[in-house]
Amino acid sequence: MTARVLVVDDILANVKLLEARLTAEYFDVLTAVSGQDALDMCDRSHVDIVLLDVMMPGLDGFETCRRLKANPKTAHIPVVMVTALDQPADRVQGLEAGADDFLTKPVNDIALLTRVKSLVRLKVLTDELRSRALSSRQIGMNSEGIAMPDGQGGRVLLVDDRASSYERMRKVLAKHHTVHIEPNPQEALFAAADQEFDLAIVSLSLMDFDGLRLCSQLRSLERTRHLPVLILVEPEENARLLRGLDLGVNDYLVRPIDTNEMLARVATQVRRKRYSDILRESVEQTMEMAITDALTGLYNRRYLEGHLSTLVDQATNRGRPLSLLLTDIDFFKKVNDTYGHDAGDDVLREFGERLRRSVRGIDMACRFGGEEFVLVMPDTDKAYAMLIAERIRQRVEAEPIPVAGGRQHLGVTISVGVATVESAEDTPETLMKRADLALYEAKRQGRNRVVADAA
């Protein structure tokens, strides 16, 4: 997996060394010699990951990282601090500044490439979600303006079968998060699939089970595929650590565990999970808006045109009836002209709700445009469709529609044209055409009536 990596260091030799290592693995490498240069490049260029030196004049690495994470445009970019500082307090300071990981000089080639690849995978998923969220601004949420959420108050699943170990961790984590302990790895997998967690912490020192197997299972299940995983490793388990990162593990802690570093890393993963959840939710809202009429909540014309063909094909192939009702609110322009467009919206909204309440789950109710609505009814012959259309017409006529916050009630009527699939040669176009002709005939006869096509 290739990516664009920004290397930031004020010492040219360090820059050249990292650049050579990454270029040899076919990464696209950008370089900067100061914190301000890094901020400017991330703001105006596409960067997948930042390797950031800590000790720099002017803006040091910690402050540069804080500014990157405070900017909604760059907060999602993974940052790895590259430093000669190796004390837990130094790592905690970087993690609290928003760093995603640390590499200690001299940088180990395997650790460098593994961490970069792991974080790039995460960045690719985040970018896809951001791109989809930005593809529509109709939802009222611009993901460029989504700040990184808070990392406290998460729900953490801790998988460890050593009581002395998990009790120490629970005592620390419980001050900031809700912790669920599960010593049994199989039960932990069920718990992760059934409940909503922000992070799973998995020990690789389980007595009778391979912790990496559990990590693999978590990545394989649809329900847990996006759950961040942090593993607990022993100092001598470098090979298993690298294997875990290859499997998609998000982060790790080396025993003996520094509690401050643990809190900082857990907060980072919870924060990233919540950010991804916000993006996924906005994507789902965008998809819903693409097929839904915003005023009535019914399907829109785009959805109708995309699915009517399938329904007609199914009806003709199976020899089953299918009927379509094309409905028009009578004299709707007069409502707008007399009472205003707000009253017109009230009428459309209420009629859409009455239509929704009148149909079965298999039926498809759509706002076709303006004051026209379409109801598609699978497994419905013409006689039954006429009964349903007449029932809807009577209900609308019998119950005046409240407008202006209920201060007024308008008597409204509708005209309905009914068409039914008659032969294997029928298409969505011919069905709509016949329903439209029937609707025209209902209007010609005086409106407030149901007419079936003559086919």
Protein backbone atom coordinates (compact mmCIF):
# COMPACT_ATOMS: atom_id res chain seq x y z
CA MET A 1 0.00 0.00 0.00
CA THR A 2 1.50 3.31 -1.07
CA ALA A 3 0.80 6.70 0.44
CA ARG A 4 2.07 10.27 0.67
CA VAL A 5 4.26 10.67 3.76
CA LEU A 6 5.40 14.04 5.11
CA VAL A 7 8.74 13.85 6.96
CA VAL A 8 9.37 16.83 9.27
CA ASP A 9 12.80 17.38 10.84
CA ASP A 10 15.11 20.38 11.06
CA ILE A 11 18.19 18.17 10.60
CA LEU A 12 18.68 17.43 6.90
CA ALA A 13 20.51 14.13 7.51
CA ASN A 14 17.54 12.74 9.45
CA VAL A 15 15.18 13.83 6.69
CA LYS A 16 17.28 12.17 3.99
CA LEU A 17 17.56 8.93 5.97
CA LEU A 18 13.79 8.55 6.45
CA GLU A 19 13.12 9.69 2.90
CA ALA A 20 15.43 7.00 1.51
CA ARG A 21 13.85 4.23 3.62
CA LEU A 22 10.30 5.18 2.66
CA THR A 23 11.05 5.81 -1.01
CA ALA A 24 12.57 2.33 -1.24
CA GLU A 25 9.14 0.98 -0.22
CA TYR A 26 7.46 3.09 -2.95
CA PHE A 27 5.98 5.72 -0.66
CA ASP A 28 5.61 9.24 -2.04
CA VAL A 29 7.69 11.36 0.36
CA LEU A 30 7.35 15.08 1.07
CA THR A 31 9.73 16.89 3.41
CA ALA A 32 9.60 19.92 5.69
CA VAL A 33 12.23 21.44 7.97
CA SER A 34 9.99 23.22 10.49
CA GLY A 35 6.69 22.88 12.27
CA GLN A 36 5.19 25.83 10.40
CA ASP A 37 6.21 24.33 7.04
CA ALA A 38 4.47 21.10 8.07
CA LEU A 39 1.26 22.95 9.00
CA ASP A 40 1.25 24.81 5.70
CA MET A 41 1.87 21.67 3.62
CA CYS A 42 -0.86 19.66 5.40
CA ASP A 43 -3.29 22.53 4.93
CA ARG A 44 -2.76 22.92 1.19
CA SER A 45 -1.64 19.43 0.06
CA HIS A 46 -2.90 15.88 0.34
CA VAL A 47 -0.92 14.15 3.10
CA ASP A 48 -1.64 10.62 4.35
CA ILE A 49 0.67 10.52 7.37
CA VAL A 50 3.14 12.82 9.13
CA LEU A 51 6.44 11.67 10.65
CA LEU A 52 7.19 14.53 13.02
CA ASP A 53 10.42 15.25 14.91
CA VAL A 54 9.92 16.52 18.45
CA MET A 55 12.97 18.70 18.99
CA MET A 56 12.76 21.55 16.49
CA PRO A 57 13.37 25.30 16.86
CA GLY A 58 10.32 27.57 16.81
CA LEU A 59 7.32 25.28 16.83
CA ASP A 60 8.42 21.99 18.38
CA GLY A 61 6.80 18.69 17.45
CA PHE A 62 4.33 18.71 20.33
CA GLU A 63 2.92 22.13 19.45
CA THR A 64 2.86 21.30 15.73
CA CYS A 65 0.90 18.14 16.49
CA ARG A 66 -1.55 20.05 18.70
CA ARG A 67 -2.21 22.53 15.90
CA LEU A 68 -2.69 19.78 13.31
CA LYS A 69 -5.21 18.03 15.52
CA ALA A 70 -7.03 21.28 16.39
CA ASN A 71 -7.66 22.06 12.71
CA PRO A 72 -10.73 20.16 11.40
CA LYS A 73 -9.13 20.02 7.94
CA THR A 74 -6.07 18.15 9.23
CA ALA A 75 -7.27 16.50 12.45
CA HIS A 76 -7.78 13.15 10.70
CA ILE A 77 -4.16 12.89 9.45
CA PRO A 78 -2.18 10.33 11.51
CA VAL A 79 0.88 11.77 13.23
CA VAL A 80 3.87 9.69 14.36
CA MET A 81 6.35 11.44 16.63
CA VAL A 82 9.94 10.53 15.79
CA THR A 83 12.22 11.36 18.71
CA ALA A 84 15.23 10.43 20.78
CA LEU A 85 13.09 10.90 23.91
CA ASP A 86 12.15 7.48 25.22
CA GLN A 87 10.65 8.10 28.66
CA PRO A 88 6.98 7.26 29.27
CA ALA A 89 6.33 10.91 30.22
CA ASP A 90 7.57 11.99 26.78
CA ARG A 91 5.24 9.53 25.01
CA VAL A 92 2.32 10.66 27.15
CA GLN A 93 3.01 14.30 26.29
CA GLY A 94 2.97 13.45 22.59
CA LEU A 95 -0.18 11.34 22.84
CA GLU A 96 -1.94 14.07 24.78
CA ALA A 97 -0.97 16.45 21.98
CA GLY A 98 -2.85 14.11 19.62
CA ALA A 99 -0.03 11.93 18.24
CA ASP A 100 -1.09 8.50 17.03
CA ASP A 101 2.19 6.77 17.79
CA PHE A 102 5.88 7.11 18.61
CA LEU A 103 9.07 5.94 16.95
CA THR A 104 12.30 6.21 18.92
CA LYS A 105 15.58 7.14 17.26
CA PRO A 106 17.45 5.34 15.84
CA VAL A 107 14.37 4.21 13.97
CA ASN A 108 14.00 0.48 13.38
CA ASP A 109 13.14 -0.19 9.73
CA ILE A 110 10.54 -2.86 10.49
CA ALA A 111 8.83 -0.73 13.13
CA LEU A 112 8.85 2.28 10.80
CA LEU A 113 7.27 0.51 7.84
CA THR A 114 4.79 -1.46 9.92
CA ARG A 115 3.51 1.59 11.78
CA VAL A 116 3.29 3.65 8.61
CA LYS A 117 1.37 0.93 6.75
CA SER A 118 -0.97 0.36 9.69
CA LEU A 119 -1.84 4.03 10.06
CA VAL A 120 -2.16 4.51 6.31
CA ARG A 121 -4.78 1.74 6.19
CA LEU A 122 -6.74 3.63 8.83
CA LYS A 123 -6.31 6.89 6.92
CA VAL A 124 -7.61 5.34 3.68
CA LEU A 125 -10.82 4.22 5.40
CA THR A 126 -11.26 7.65 7.00
CA ASP A 127 -10.66 9.41 3.68
CA GLU A 128 -13.30 7.27 1.98
CA LEU A 129 -15.84 8.20 4.63
CA ARG A 130 -14.89 11.89 4.45
CA SER A 131 -15.18 11.86 0.67
CA ARG A 132 -18.65 10.31 0.77
CA ALA A 133 -19.77 12.70 3.50
CA LEU A 134 -18.57 15.67 1.46
CA SER A 135 -20.28 14.44 -1.72
CA SER A 136 -23.55 15.97 -0.55
CA ARG A 137 -24.07 19.12 1.50
CA GLN A 138 -27.84 18.54 1.64
CA ILE A 139 -27.56 16.89 5.03
CA GLY A 140 -26.49 20.14 6.65
CA MET A 141 -23.20 18.68 7.86
CA ASN A 142 -19.92 19.56 6.20
CA SER A 143 -17.30 17.08 7.38
CA GLU A 144 -14.59 19.70 6.82
CA GLY A 145 -16.03 21.28 9.95
CA ILE A 146 -16.12 18.14 12.11
CA ALA A 147 -13.63 18.51 14.92
CA MET A 148 -12.08 15.44 16.51
CA PRO A 149 -14.44 14.36 19.32
CA ASP A 150 -13.52 13.91 22.96
CA GLY A 151 -11.78 10.68 23.93
CA GLN A 152 -13.26 10.27 27.41
CA GLY A 153 -16.27 8.27 28.60
CA GLY A 154 -15.72 5.39 26.19
CA ARG A 155 -16.95 1.80 26.49
CA VAL A 156 -13.92 -0.48 26.66
CA LEU A 157 -13.85 -4.28 26.32
CA LEU A 158 -10.81 -5.71 28.13
CA VAL A 159 -9.88 -9.30 27.25
CA ASP A 160 -7.39 -10.66 29.77
CA ASP A 161 -7.46 -13.85 31.86
CA ARG A 162 -4.97 -12.72 34.50
CA ALA A 163 -6.96 -11.23 37.38
CA SER A 164 -4.04 -9.28 38.78
CA SER A 165 -3.47 -7.66 35.40
CA TYR A 166 -7.05 -6.76 34.47
CA GLU A 167 -7.92 -5.51 37.96
CA ARG A 168 -5.01 -3.03 37.87
CA MET A 169 -6.07 -1.83 34.43
CA ARG A 170 -9.73 -1.64 35.40
CA LYS A 171 -8.90 0.52 38.43
CA VAL A 172 -7.13 3.07 36.22
CA LEU A 173 -9.46 3.01 33.21
CA ALA A 174 -12.68 3.11 35.24
CA LYS A 175 -11.91 6.70 36.28
CA HIS A 176 -12.50 7.81 32.69
CA HIS A 177 -14.30 4.96 30.88
CA THR A 178 -16.80 2.14 31.34
CA VAL A 179 -14.82 -1.11 31.40
CA HIS A 180 -16.21 -4.58 30.63
CA ILE A 181 -13.87 -7.43 31.65
CA GLU A 182 -14.07 -10.69 29.72
CA PRO A 183 -11.49 -13.40 30.57
CA ASN A 184 -12.95 -15.86 28.00
CA PRO A 185 -11.92 -14.92 24.43
CA GLN A 186 -14.93 -16.62 22.79
CA GLU A 187 -17.34 -14.84 25.12
CA ALA A 188 -15.45 -11.64 24.39
CA LEU A 189 -16.13 -12.09 20.66
CA PHE A 190 -19.85 -12.53 21.34
CA ALA A 191 -19.86 -9.49 23.64
CA ALA A 192 -18.12 -7.35 21.02
CA ALA A 193 -20.66 -8.38 18.37
CA ASP A 194 -23.71 -7.90 20.62
CA GLN A 195 -22.78 -4.66 22.40
CA GLU A 196 -21.52 -1.24 21.37
CA PHE A 197 -17.88 -0.77 22.38
CA ASP A 198 -15.48 2.02 21.49
CA LEU A 199 -12.33 -0.07 21.96
CA ALA A 200 -11.22 -3.66 22.55
CA ILE A 201 -8.02 -4.26 24.53
CA VAL A 202 -6.69 -7.78 23.95
CA SER A 203 -3.86 -9.43 25.86
CA LEU A 204 -1.52 -11.60 23.79
CA SER A 205 -0.63 -13.53 26.97
CA LEU A 206 -3.88 -15.48 27.25
CA MET A 207 -3.35 -18.93 28.80
CA ASP A 208 -5.17 -21.24 26.39
CA PHE A 209 -5.97 -19.05 23.43
CA ASP A 210 -4.05 -17.13 20.78
CA GLY A 211 -4.86 -13.46 21.27
CA LEU A 212 -4.01 -12.76 17.63
CA ARG A 213 -6.72 -15.22 16.61
CA LEU A 214 -9.25 -13.11 18.49
CA CYS A 215 -7.93 -9.96 16.78
CA SER A 216 -8.35 -11.67 13.42
CA GLN A 217 -11.91 -12.72 14.29
CA LEU A 218 -12.79 -9.19 15.36
CA ARG A 219 -11.57 -7.90 12.01
CA SER A 220 -13.52 -10.59 10.12
CA LEU A 221 -16.98 -9.99 11.62
CA GLU A 222 -19.13 -7.29 10.02
CA ARG A 223 -20.33 -6.04 13.42
CA THR A 224 -16.80 -5.60 14.80
CA ARG A 225 -14.82 -4.77 11.66
CA HIS A 226 -14.47 -1.11 12.59
CA LEU A 227 -13.90 -1.63 16.32
CA PRO A 228 -10.43 -0.32 17.30
CA VAL A 229 -8.19 -3.00 18.80
CA LEU A 230 -5.28 -2.35 21.16
CA ILE A 231 -3.06 -5.31 22.11
CA LEU A 232 -1.00 -5.90 25.26
CA VAL A 233 2.40 -7.46 24.51
CA GLU A 234 5.46 -8.58 26.41
CA PRO A 235 8.80 -6.87 25.63
CA GLU A 236 10.14 -9.96 23.82
CA GLU A 237 7.08 -10.37 21.56
CA ASN A 238 8.23 -8.19 18.68
CA ALA A 239 7.37 -10.78 16.03
CA ARG A 240 3.82 -11.23 17.34
CA LEU A 241 3.44 -7.47 17.70
CA LEU A 242 4.33 -6.94 14.04
CA ARG A 243 2.01 -9.77 13.06
CA GLY A 244 -0.80 -8.11 15.00
CA LEU A 245 -0.22 -4.81 13.23
CA ASP A 246 -0.36 -6.63 9.90
CA LEU A 247 -3.72 -8.09 10.93
CA GLY A 248 -5.11 -4.60 11.42
CA VAL A 249 -4.55 -3.99 15.13
CA ASN A 250 -4.69 -0.25 15.75
CA ASP A 251 -2.26 0.19 18.65
CA TYR A 252 -0.33 -1.62 21.36
CA LEU A 253 1.05 -1.32 24.88
CA VAL A 254 4.20 -3.08 26.08
CA ARG A 255 4.23 -4.55 29.57
CA PRO A 256 4.88 -3.36 32.23
CA ILE A 257 2.18 -0.87 31.33
CA ASP A 258 2.63 2.79 32.13
CA THR A 259 -0.82 3.91 33.30
CA ASN A 260 -0.56 7.43 31.89
CA GLU A 261 0.46 6.11 28.49
CA MET A 262 -2.41 3.62 28.61
CA LEU A 263 -4.93 6.38 29.35
CA ALA A 264 -3.56 8.51 26.54
CA ARG A 265 -3.60 5.68 23.97
CA VAL A 266 -7.10 4.58 24.96
CA ALA A 267 -8.36 8.17 24.63
CA THR A 268 -6.77 8.40 21.16
CA GLN A 269 -8.54 5.25 19.95
CA VAL A 270 -11.90 6.24 21.45
CA ARG A 271 -11.58 9.66 19.82
CA ARG A 272 -10.83 8.15 16.40
CA LYS A 273 -13.70 5.65 16.71
CA ARG A 274 -16.15 8.45 17.45
CA TYR A 275 -14.84 10.52 14.56
CA SER A 276 -15.34 7.59 12.17
CA ASP A 277 -18.82 6.97 13.57
CA ILE A 278 -19.79 10.59 12.91
CA LEU A 279 -18.57 10.29 9.31
CA ARG A 280 -20.43 6.99 8.78
CA GLU A 281 -23.61 8.50 10.17
CA SER A 282 -23.31 11.46 7.82
CA VAL A 283 -22.78 9.08 4.90
CA GLU A 284 -25.94 7.15 5.84
CA GLN A 285 -27.86 10.41 6.09
CA THR A 286 -26.56 11.43 2.67
CA MET A 287 -27.68 8.14 1.15
CA GLU A 288 -31.11 8.51 2.75
CA MET A 289 -31.43 12.07 1.47
CA ALA A 290 -30.55 10.89 -2.03
CA ILE A 291 -33.68 8.71 -2.19
CA THR A 292 -36.08 10.59 0.13
CA ASP A 293 -38.24 13.64 -0.40
CA ALA A 294 -37.24 16.10 2.30
CA LEU A 295 -40.72 17.59 2.78
CA THR A 296 -42.87 14.47 3.02
CA GLY A 297 -40.38 11.76 4.00
CA LEU A 298 -41.62 9.57 1.14
CA TYR A 299 -39.35 8.16 -1.54
CA ASN A 300 -38.49 10.67 -4.26
CA ARG A 301 -38.71 10.49 -8.04
CA ARG A 302 -35.10 9.30 -8.36
CA TYR A 303 -35.85 6.27 -6.20
CA LEU A 304 -39.07 5.54 -8.08
CA GLU A 305 -37.33 5.63 -11.45
CA GLY A 306 -34.57 3.37 -10.15
CA HIS A 307 -36.88 0.71 -8.68
CA LEU A 308 -40.06 0.73 -10.77
CA SER A 309 -38.30 -1.09 -13.59
CA THR A 310 -37.31 -3.91 -11.22
CA LEU A 311 -40.84 -4.22 -9.85
CA VAL A 312 -42.39 -4.29 -13.31
CA ASP A 313 -39.89 -6.93 -14.47
CA GLN A 314 -40.67 -9.09 -11.45
CA ALA A 315 -44.40 -8.81 -12.09
CA THR A 316 -44.17 -9.71 -15.78
CA ASN A 317 -41.65 -12.54 -15.26
CA ARG A 318 -43.74 -14.15 -12.51
CA GLY A 319 -47.10 -13.45 -14.08
CA ARG A 320 -48.16 -11.48 -11.01
CA PRO A 321 -50.29 -8.30 -11.01
CA LEU A 322 -48.85 -4.89 -10.19
CA SER A 323 -50.79 -1.64 -10.01
CA LEU A 324 -49.72 1.98 -9.96
CA LEU A 325 -51.69 4.94 -8.59
CA LEU A 326 -50.83 8.42 -9.85
CA THR A 327 -52.39 11.00 -7.54
CA ASP A 328 -52.76 14.76 -7.91
CA ILE A 329 -54.02 17.21 -5.26
CA ASP A 330 -56.87 19.16 -6.84
CA PHE A 331 -56.46 22.92 -7.32
CA PHE A 332 -53.21 22.91 -5.36
CA LYS A 333 -52.03 26.15 -6.98
CA LYS A 334 -55.04 27.90 -5.45
CA VAL A 335 -53.89 26.75 -1.99
CA ASN A 336 -50.49 28.35 -2.52
CA ASP A 337 -51.95 31.52 -4.02
CA THR A 338 -54.59 31.96 -1.32
CA TYR A 339 -52.90 30.76 1.85
CA GLY A 340 -49.20 30.91 0.98
CA HIS A 341 -46.50 28.35 0.31
CA ASP A 342 -46.18 27.42 4.00
CA ALA A 343 -49.79 26.27 3.94
CA GLY A 344 -49.08 24.41 0.70
CA ASP A 345 -46.18 22.62 2.37
CA ASP A 346 -48.49 21.66 5.26
CA VAL A 347 -50.94 20.14 2.79
CA LEU A 348 -48.23 18.17 0.99
CA ARG A 349 -46.73 16.97 4.24
CA GLU A 350 -50.07 15.84 5.69
CA PHE A 351 -51.16 14.14 2.48
CA GLY A 352 -47.84 12.29 2.36
CA GLU A 353 -48.43 11.08 5.92
CA ARG A 354 -51.98 9.93 5.12
CA LEU A 355 -50.70 8.09 2.06
CA ARG A 356 -48.03 6.38 4.16
CA ARG A 357 -50.64 5.24 6.69
CA SER A 358 -52.87 3.82 3.95
CA VAL A 359 -50.43 1.40 2.36
CA ARG A 360 -48.84 -1.97 3.12
CA GLY A 361 -45.18 -2.58 3.86
CA ILE A 362 -44.55 -3.97 0.37
CA ASP A 363 -46.05 -0.90 -1.34
CA MET A 364 -43.86 1.99 -2.48
CA ALA A 365 -45.17 5.52 -1.87
CA CYS A 366 -43.29 8.35 -3.62
CA ARG A 367 -43.61 12.05 -4.17
CA PHE A 368 -43.29 12.30 -7.94
CA GLY A 369 -42.97 16.07 -8.04
CA GLY A 370 -44.97 19.14 -7.02
CA GLU A 371 -48.41 17.96 -5.90
CA GLU A 372 -48.19 14.59 -7.70
CA PHE A 373 -47.68 11.34 -5.78
CA VAL A 374 -47.18 7.77 -6.96
CA LEU A 375 -48.14 4.58 -5.14
CA VAL A 376 -46.76 1.30 -6.55
CA MET A 377 -48.59 -1.80 -5.30
CA PRO A 378 -47.05 -5.23 -6.05
CA ASP A 379 -49.35 -8.29 -6.16
CA THR A 380 -52.37 -6.00 -6.59
CA ASP A 381 -54.88 -6.32 -9.39
CA LYS A 382 -56.90 -3.43 -10.86
CA ALA A 383 -60.03 -4.07 -8.82
CA TYR A 384 -58.22 -4.03 -5.49
CA ALA A 385 -56.12 -1.02 -6.55
CA MET A 386 -59.35 0.86 -7.32
CA LEU A 387 -60.67 0.05 -3.83
CA ILE A 388 -57.48 1.35 -2.20
CA ALA A 389 -57.48 4.49 -4.34
CA GLU A 390 -61.11 5.19 -3.50
CA ARG A 391 -60.47 4.68 0.22
CA ILE A 392 -57.56 7.17 0.11
CA ARG A 393 -59.68 9.67 -1.84
CA GLN A 394 -62.55 9.44 0.67
CA ARG A 395 -60.25 9.88 3.67
CA VAL A 396 -58.66 12.98 2.20
CA GLU A 397 -62.05 14.51 1.36
CA ALA A 398 -63.55 13.66 4.76
CA GLU A 399 -60.75 15.11 6.92
CA PRO A 400 -59.77 18.77 6.34
CA ILE A 401 -56.02 19.32 6.57
CA PRO A 402 -54.70 21.57 9.37
CA VAL A 403 -52.41 24.41 8.27
CA ALA A 404 -50.81 27.43 9.95
CA GLY A 405 -50.04 25.46 13.09
CA GLY A 406 -53.59 24.10 13.30
CA ARG A 407 -55.23 27.52 13.28
CA GLN A 408 -56.94 26.78 9.96
CA HIS A 409 -58.29 23.65 8.27
CA LEU A 410 -58.49 23.31 4.50
CA GLY A 411 -60.83 21.00 2.64
CA VAL A 412 -58.72 19.19 0.05
CA THR A 413 -59.60 16.62 -2.60
CA ILE A 414 -57.52 14.43 -4.89
CA SER A 415 -57.79 12.86 -8.33
CA VAL A 416 -56.31 9.42 -8.96
CA GLY A 417 -55.36 7.56 -12.11
CA VAL A 418 -54.90 3.79 -11.80
CA ALA A 419 -52.91 1.58 -14.18
CA THR A 420 -52.11 -2.13 -13.94
CA VAL A 421 -49.53 -4.33 -15.62
CA GLU A 422 -51.48 -6.10 -18.36
CA SER A 423 -48.90 -8.05 -20.37
CA ALA A 424 -45.26 -9.08 -20.60
CA GLU A 425 -44.70 -6.14 -22.97
CA ASP A 426 -45.50 -3.60 -20.27
CA THR A 427 -42.70 -1.26 -19.19
CA PRO A 428 -42.44 1.42 -16.49
CA GLU A 429 -42.96 4.01 -19.21
CA THR A 430 -46.16 2.46 -20.56
CA LEU A 431 -47.50 1.95 -17.04
CA MET A 432 -46.84 5.57 -16.08
CA LYS A 433 -48.30 6.78 -19.37
CA ARG A 434 -51.56 4.89 -18.82
CA ALA A 435 -51.81 6.12 -15.23
CA ASP A 436 -51.23 9.68 -16.45
CA LEU A 437 -53.99 9.36 -19.06
CA ALA A 438 -56.34 7.99 -16.41
CA LEU A 439 -55.49 10.90 -14.11
CA TYR A 440 -56.18 13.34 -16.94
CA GLU A 441 -59.56 11.71 -17.48
CA ALA A 442 -60.36 12.04 -13.74
CA LYS A 443 -59.64 15.76 -13.96
CA ARG A 444 -61.66 16.10 -17.17
CA GLN A 445 -64.65 14.52 -15.44
CA GLY A 446 -64.57 17.11 -12.67
CA ARG A 447 -61.76 15.98 -10.29
CA ASN A 448 -62.14 14.35 -6.85
CA ARG A 449 -62.54 10.91 -8.37
CA VAL A 450 -60.67 7.70 -9.25
CA VAL A 451 -60.37 6.54 -12.87
CA ALA A 452 -58.70 3.39 -14.16
CA ASP A 453 -56.82 3.18 -17.43
CA ALA A 454 -58.77 1.80 -20.36
CA ALA A 455 -56.28 -1.01 -21.17
